[in-house]
Amino acid sequence: MFKSNEELFKAVNELIANLEKRGCSSAAQELKKGFQLLNELTDGRALFLEAIEKLQDSISAGINSGDLEKFHSLYETVYFSVY
């Protein structure tokens, strides 16, 4: 899990950039779109969680193990902030 929002935001931006580099532009756009909905309110986090959940099955084929670990940490962090 991430220690701060800044660390979380940095990880999301890195994942988006890495997805784009690997040619997974639709996954990158979905993550970016969900990230833009994020705000300090619970509904924004819930919408971001929905975007992450949409990618869970498809994203593992497009990223390396380090990014996959970040993605799972991202999911856990946002999930626990919503529930």
C-alpha atoms as a PDB file:
ATOM      1  CA  MET A   1       0.000   0.000   0.000  1.00  0.00           C
ATOM      2  CA  PHE A   2       1.080   3.569  -0.537  1.00  0.00           C
ATOM      3  CA  LYS A   3       2.245   5.814   2.290  1.00  0.00           C
ATOM      4  CA  SER A   4       0.832   9.043   0.857  1.00  0.00           C
ATOM      5  CA  ASN A   5      -1.418  10.386  -1.858  1.00  0.00           C
ATOM      6  CA  GLU A   6       1.643  11.715  -3.646  1.00  0.00           C
ATOM      7  CA  GLU A   7       3.115   8.223  -3.777  1.00  0.00           C
ATOM      8  CA  LEU A   8      -0.207   6.876  -5.074  1.00  0.00           C
ATOM      9  CA  PHE A   9      -0.462   9.571  -7.748  1.00  0.00           C
ATOM     10  CA  LYS A  10       3.111   8.949  -8.865  1.00  0.00           C
ATOM     11  CA  ALA A  11       2.440   5.215  -9.192  1.00  0.00           C
ATOM     12  CA  VAL A  12      -0.706   5.820 -11.247  1.00  0.00           C
ATOM     13  CA  ASN A  13       1.111   8.172 -13.608  1.00  0.00           C
ATOM     14  CA  GLU A  14       3.961   5.671 -13.990  1.00  0.00           C
ATOM     15  CA  LEU A  15       1.512   2.856 -14.763  1.00  0.00           C
ATOM     16  CA  ILE A  16      -0.243   4.989 -17.361  1.00  0.00           C
ATOM     17  CA  ALA A  17       3.073   5.884 -18.999  1.00  0.00           C
ATOM     18  CA  ASN A  18       4.266   2.264 -18.987  1.00  0.00           C
ATOM     19  CA  LEU A  19       1.003   1.016 -20.477  1.00  0.00           C
ATOM     20  CA  GLU A  20       1.292   3.583 -23.257  1.00  0.00           C
ATOM     21  CA  LYS A  21       4.912   2.541 -23.920  1.00  0.00           C
ATOM     22  CA  ARG A  22       3.842  -1.085 -24.259  1.00  0.00           C
ATOM     23  CA  GLY A  23       1.092  -0.230 -26.738  1.00  0.00           C
ATOM     24  CA  CYS A  24      -1.766  -0.796 -24.302  1.00  0.00           C
ATOM     25  CA  SER A  25      -3.309   2.556 -25.080  1.00  0.00           C
ATOM     26  CA  SER A  26      -6.912   1.567 -24.313  1.00  0.00           C
ATOM     27  CA  ALA A  27      -5.918   0.322 -20.838  1.00  0.00           C
ATOM     28  CA  ALA A  28      -3.859   3.477 -20.281  1.00  0.00           C
ATOM     29  CA  GLN A  29      -6.792   5.656 -21.314  1.00  0.00           C
ATOM     30  CA  GLU A  30      -9.204   3.762 -19.050  1.00  0.00           C
ATOM     31  CA  LEU A  31      -6.865   4.160 -16.083  1.00  0.00           C
ATOM     32  CA  LYS A  32      -6.296   7.839 -16.917  1.00  0.00           C
ATOM     33  CA  LYS A  33     -10.041   8.460 -17.224  1.00  0.00           C
ATOM     34  CA  GLY A  34     -10.684   6.824 -13.858  1.00  0.00           C
ATOM     35  CA  PHE A  35      -7.813   8.720 -12.256  1.00  0.00           C
ATOM     36  CA  GLN A  36      -9.292  12.014 -13.428  1.00  0.00           C
ATOM     37  CA  LEU A  37     -12.466  11.171 -11.490  1.00  0.00           C
ATOM     38  CA  LEU A  38     -10.497  10.800  -8.282  1.00  0.00           C
ATOM     39  CA  ASN A  39     -11.038  13.435  -5.663  1.00  0.00           C
ATOM     40  CA  GLU A  40     -11.111  13.446  -1.898  1.00  0.00           C
ATOM     41  CA  LEU A  41     -14.754  12.403  -1.843  1.00  0.00           C
ATOM     42  CA  THR A  42     -15.751   8.761  -1.572  1.00  0.00           C
ATOM     43  CA  ASP A  43     -17.676   8.835  -4.856  1.00  0.00           C
ATOM     44  CA  GLY A  44     -14.572   9.828  -6.816  1.00  0.00           C
ATOM     45  CA  ARG A  45     -12.614   6.994  -5.258  1.00  0.00           C
ATOM     46  CA  ALA A  46     -15.454   4.581  -6.012  1.00  0.00           C
ATOM     47  CA  LEU A  47     -15.460   5.648  -9.667  1.00  0.00           C
ATOM     48  CA  PHE A  48     -11.685   5.235  -9.826  1.00  0.00           C
ATOM     49  CA  LEU A  49     -12.067   1.778  -8.282  1.00  0.00           C
ATOM     50  CA  GLU A  50     -14.569   0.858 -11.006  1.00  0.00           C
ATOM     51  CA  ALA A  51     -12.050   1.852 -13.684  1.00  0.00           C
ATOM     52  CA  ILE A  52      -9.347  -0.233 -11.994  1.00  0.00           C
ATOM     53  CA  GLU A  53     -11.670  -3.238 -11.716  1.00  0.00           C
ATOM     54  CA  LYS A  54     -12.472  -3.032 -15.444  1.00  0.00           C
ATOM     55  CA  LEU A  55      -8.763  -3.442 -16.159  1.00  0.00           C
ATOM     56  CA  GLN A  56      -7.964  -6.220 -13.708  1.00  0.00           C
ATOM     57  CA  ASP A  57      -8.388  -9.125 -16.127  1.00  0.00           C
ATOM     58  CA  SER A  58      -6.850  -7.513 -19.183  1.00  0.00           C
ATOM     59  CA  ILE A  59      -3.960  -5.575 -17.710  1.00  0.00           C
ATOM     60  CA  SER A  60      -1.788  -8.485 -16.579  1.00  0.00           C
ATOM     61  CA  ALA A  61      -0.874  -9.359 -20.162  1.00  0.00           C
ATOM     62  CA  GLY A  62       0.361  -5.854 -20.950  1.00  0.00           C
ATOM     63  CA  ILE A  63       2.694  -5.029 -18.077  1.00  0.00           C
ATOM     64  CA  ASN A  64       5.772  -6.400 -16.354  1.00  0.00           C
ATOM     65  CA  SER A  65       5.778  -7.937 -12.879  1.00  0.00           C
ATOM     66  CA  GLY A  66       6.874  -4.723 -11.158  1.00  0.00           C
ATOM     67  CA  ASP A  67       4.053  -2.755 -12.722  1.00  0.00           C
ATOM     68  CA  LEU A  68       1.632  -5.577 -11.991  1.00  0.00           C
ATOM     69  CA  GLU A  69       2.614  -5.387  -8.326  1.00  0.00           C
ATOM     70  CA  LYS A  70       1.998  -1.610  -8.402  1.00  0.00           C
ATOM     71  CA  PHE A  71      -1.360  -2.198 -10.043  1.00  0.00           C
ATOM     72  CA  HIS A  72      -2.394  -4.638  -7.299  1.00  0.00           C
ATOM     73  CA  SER A  73      -1.214  -2.197  -4.622  1.00  0.00           C
ATOM     74  CA  LEU A  74      -3.187   0.526  -6.364  1.00  0.00           C
ATOM     75  CA  TYR A  75      -6.295  -1.654  -6.336  1.00  0.00           C
ATOM     76  CA  GLU A  76      -5.877  -2.519  -2.643  1.00  0.00           C
ATOM     77  CA  THR A  77      -5.298   1.102  -1.642  1.00  0.00           C
ATOM     78  CA  VAL A  78      -8.308   2.437  -3.508  1.00  0.00           C
ATOM     79  CA  TYR A  79     -10.493  -0.515  -2.473  1.00  0.00           C
ATOM     80  CA  PHE A  80      -9.731   0.015   1.214  1.00  0.00           C
ATOM     81  CA  SER A  81     -10.320   3.751   0.914  1.00  0.00           C
ATOM     82  CA  VAL A  82     -13.803   3.097  -0.492  1.00  0.00           C
ATOM     83  CA  TYR A  83     -14.810   0.233   1.803  1.00  0.00           C
END
